[in-house]
N, C-alpha and C. Protein backbone atom coordinates (compact mmCIF):
# COMPACT_ATOMS: atom_id res chain seq x y z
N MET A 1 0.54 -1.37 -0.10
CA MET A 1 -0.25 -0.12 -0.03
C MET A 1 0.85 1.16 -0.02
N PRO A 2 1.81 1.45 0.63
CA PRO A 2 2.60 2.59 0.71
C PRO A 2 3.35 3.08 -1.03
N GLU A 3 3.62 1.97 -1.72
CA GLU A 3 4.33 1.77 -2.51
C GLU A 3 3.30 2.66 -3.51
N GLU A 4 1.91 2.19 -3.50
CA GLU A 4 0.70 2.72 -4.25
C GLU A 4 0.15 4.54 -4.05
N ARG A 5 0.04 4.32 -3.11
CA ARG A 5 0.38 5.97 -2.68
C ARG A 5 1.09 6.48 -2.83
N SER A 6 2.69 5.85 -2.88
CA SER A 6 3.48 7.06 -3.57
C SER A 6 3.83 6.57 -5.21
N HIS A 7 3.49 5.94 -5.80
CA HIS A 7 2.37 6.36 -7.10
C HIS A 7 2.04 7.11 -7.45
N THR A 8 0.74 6.95 -6.87
CA THR A 8 0.02 8.02 -6.61
C THR A 8 0.00 9.39 -6.67
N ARG A 9 0.67 9.74 -5.51
CA ARG A 9 1.01 11.22 -5.50
C ARG A 9 2.20 11.53 -6.38
N GLN A 10 3.06 10.54 -7.07
CA GLN A 10 3.58 10.98 -7.84
C GLN A 10 3.48 11.01 -9.14
N VAL A 11 2.01 10.69 -9.85
CA VAL A 11 1.04 10.78 -10.94
C VAL A 11 0.26 12.28 -10.20
N ILE A 12 -0.29 12.49 -9.47
CA ILE A 12 -0.76 13.49 -9.29
C ILE A 12 0.34 14.71 -9.21
N GLY A 13 1.16 14.88 -8.85
CA GLY A 13 1.86 15.79 -8.86
C GLY A 13 2.63 16.15 -10.39
N SER A 14 3.18 15.36 -10.81
CA SER A 14 3.49 14.91 -12.12
C SER A 14 2.33 15.98 -13.18
N LEU A 15 1.27 15.63 -12.98
CA LEU A 15 0.31 16.48 -13.77
C LEU A 15 -0.19 18.10 -13.08
N VAL A 16 0.14 18.28 -11.73
CA VAL A 16 0.08 19.26 -11.75
C VAL A 16 1.33 19.84 -12.35
N VAL A 17 2.66 20.03 -12.19
CA VAL A 17 3.03 20.37 -13.11
C VAL A 17 3.49 20.77 -14.93
N ALA A 18 2.23 19.90 -14.96
CA ALA A 18 1.79 19.67 -16.80
C ALA A 18 1.02 20.58 -16.89
N LEU A 19 0.14 21.12 -15.76
CA LEU A 19 -0.14 21.86 -15.80
C LEU A 19 -0.02 23.41 -16.46
N LEU A 20 1.27 23.00 -14.91
CA LEU A 20 1.14 25.09 -14.79
C LEU A 20 2.36 25.38 -15.36
N ILE A 21 3.09 23.86 -16.59
CA ILE A 21 4.08 24.53 -17.63
C ILE A 21 3.12 24.47 -18.43
N VAL A 22 1.55 24.37 -18.97
CA VAL A 22 0.57 24.39 -19.68
C VAL A 22 0.07 26.37 -19.79
N VAL A 23 -0.37 26.04 -18.61
CA VAL A 23 -0.80 27.66 -18.43
C VAL A 23 0.92 28.54 -18.41
N ALA A 24 1.58 28.75 -17.90
CA ALA A 24 2.40 29.96 -18.57
C ALA A 24 2.55 29.34 -19.71
N ALA A 25 3.23 28.63 -20.63
CA ALA A 25 3.00 28.80 -22.61
C ALA A 25 1.74 29.57 -22.57
N VAL A 26 0.67 29.26 -22.38
CA VAL A 26 -0.21 29.91 -22.27
C VAL A 26 -0.51 31.54 -22.31
N ALA A 27 0.60 32.10 -21.06
CA ALA A 27 0.14 32.86 -20.45
C ALA A 27 1.43 33.65 -21.64
N VAL A 28 2.57 32.79 -21.84
CA VAL A 28 3.83 33.51 -22.36
C VAL A 28 3.23 33.89 -23.57
N VAL A 29 2.57 33.30 -24.65
CA VAL A 29 2.30 33.46 -26.15
C VAL A 29 1.26 34.55 -25.58
N THR A 30 0.47 34.36 -24.81
CA THR A 30 -0.88 35.41 -25.28
C THR A 30 0.30 36.86 -24.75
N ALA A 31 1.24 36.95 -24.01
CA ALA A 31 1.24 38.36 -23.64
C ALA A 31 2.58 39.23 -24.76
N LYS A 32 3.48 37.80 -25.95
CA LYS A 32 4.00 38.02 -26.70
C LYS A 32 3.11 38.47 -27.86
N PHE A 33 1.91 37.41 -28.36
CA PHE A 33 1.59 38.40 -29.63
C PHE A 33 0.37 38.73 -29.32
N GLY A 34 -0.01 38.99 -28.07
CA GLY A 34 -1.77 39.72 -27.71
C GLY A 34 -2.13 38.32 -28.22
N PRO A 35 -3.67 39.50 -27.30
CA PRO A 35 -5.15 38.66 -27.78
C PRO A 35 -5.89 38.52 -29.94
N THR A 36 -4.92 38.63 -30.47
CA THR A 36 -5.15 39.67 -31.98
C THR A 36 -5.75 38.12 -32.80
N SER A 37 -6.32 38.11 -33.70
CA SER A 37 -7.22 37.21 -33.45
C SER A 37 -5.93 37.05 -35.17
N ALA A 38 -5.93 35.93 -35.67
CA ALA A 38 -4.66 35.60 -37.32
C ALA A 38 -5.93 36.25 -38.59
N ALA A 39 -6.94 36.99 -38.70
CA ALA A 39 -7.81 37.62 -39.53
C ALA A 39 -7.22 39.39 -39.24
N GLU A 40 -6.89 39.46 -37.91
CA GLU A 40 -5.94 41.10 -37.74
C GLU A 40 -4.78 40.96 -38.10
N GLN A 41 -4.26 40.07 -38.00
CA GLN A 41 -2.70 40.04 -37.94
C GLN A 41 -2.27 39.98 -39.84
N GLU A 42 -3.61 39.59 -39.79
CA GLU A 42 -3.34 39.41 -41.81
C GLU A 42 -3.35 40.89 -42.51
N ALA A 43 -4.74 41.44 -41.62
CA ALA A 43 -4.95 43.10 -42.24
C ALA A 43 -4.07 44.21 -42.02
N VAL A 44 -3.29 44.14 -40.30
CA VAL A 44 -2.03 44.26 -40.23
C VAL A 44 -1.00 44.67 -41.50
N GLU A 45 -0.80 42.87 -41.79
CA GLU A 45 -0.03 42.87 -42.62
C GLU A 45 -0.06 43.21 -44.13
N GLU A 46 -1.12 43.35 -44.20
CA GLU A 46 -1.87 43.75 -45.71
C GLU A 46 -1.37 45.37 -45.57
N ARG A 47 -1.78 46.06 -45.16
CA ARG A 47 -2.13 47.74 -44.71
C ARG A 47 -0.52 47.84 -45.19
N LEU A 48 0.52 47.10 -43.78
CA LEU A 48 2.12 47.63 -44.35
C LEU A 48 2.80 47.06 -45.54
N GLU A 49 2.73 46.04 -46.26
CA GLU A 49 2.56 46.05 -47.74
C GLU A 49 2.06 46.53 -48.81
N GLN A 50 0.39 47.42 -48.74
CA GLN A 50 0.44 48.05 -49.47
C GLN A 50 0.39 49.26 -49.25
N ARG A 51 1.49 49.73 -47.82
CA ARG A 51 1.90 51.52 -47.15
C ARG A 51 3.25 50.50 -48.06
N GLU A 52 4.28 49.78 -48.06
CA GLU A 52 5.31 49.89 -49.16
C GLU A 52 5.09 49.86 -49.91
N GLU A 53 4.44 49.35 -50.74
CA GLU A 53 4.04 49.45 -52.08
C GLU A 53 3.88 50.67 -53.01
N ARG A 54 3.07 52.09 -51.99
CA ARG A 54 2.77 52.96 -52.00
C ARG A 54 4.51 53.90 -51.95
N LEU A 55 5.04 53.68 -51.07
CA LEU A 55 6.45 53.94 -51.22
C LEU A 55 7.29 54.01 -52.21
N GLU A 56 7.48 52.46 -53.21
CA GLU A 56 7.81 52.03 -53.65
C GLU A 56 7.55 52.72 -55.39
N GLU A 57 6.32 53.08 -55.11
CA GLU A 57 5.06 53.72 -56.22
C GLU A 57 5.99 55.42 -56.32
N ARG A 58 6.00 55.92 -55.22
CA ARG A 58 6.48 57.48 -55.33
C ARG A 58 7.89 57.31 -55.33
N ARG A 59 7.91 56.44 -54.98
CA ARG A 59 10.01 56.74 -55.25
C ARG A 59 10.42 56.40 -56.75
N GLU A 60 9.61 55.55 -57.64
CA GLU A 60 9.95 55.44 -59.01
C GLU A 60 9.52 56.42 -60.19
N LEU A 61 8.17 57.61 -59.72
CA LEU A 61 8.09 58.95 -59.39
C LEU A 61 8.54 59.50 -60.04
N GLN A 62 9.56 60.20 -58.52
CA GLN A 62 9.69 60.77 -58.50
C GLN A 62 11.68 60.54 -59.01
N GLU A 63 12.19 59.28 -59.27
CA GLU A 63 13.61 59.15 -60.11
C GLU A 63 13.17 59.45 -61.65
N GLU A 64 11.50 59.15 -62.12
CA GLU A 64 10.79 59.54 -63.61
C GLU A 64 11.51 60.64 -63.87
N ARG A 65 10.91 61.80 -62.71
CA ARG A 65 11.25 63.57 -63.10
C ARG A 65 12.18 63.65 -63.36
N ARG A 66 12.81 63.30 -61.70
CA ARG A 66 14.41 63.47 -62.48
C ARG A 66 15.22 63.29 -63.88
N GLU A 67 14.72 61.74 -64.05
CA GLU A 67 15.15 61.66 -65.53
C GLU A 67 14.43 62.90 -66.57
N GLU A 68 13.67 63.62 -66.66
CA GLU A 68 12.66 64.48 -67.36
C GLU A 68 13.74 64.76 -68.03
N PRO A 69 14.17 65.76 -69.39
CA PRO A 69 14.40 67.19 -68.78
C PRO A 69 13.89 68.10 -68.95
């Protein structure tokens, strides 16, 4: 019987530690990335890409104007 109690305590302890690890991992990921959804992140990335494209177009137009006589 003492061996069973020891084993049961060990299993329960292991489960508690595993649960704490999962909670910590979720907390770290949430803190790092925030609660934003994948769709919100994609929208932000799309806006950044559009801004970069507009900047590139402006640069090209400025270069073309400089090249004109």
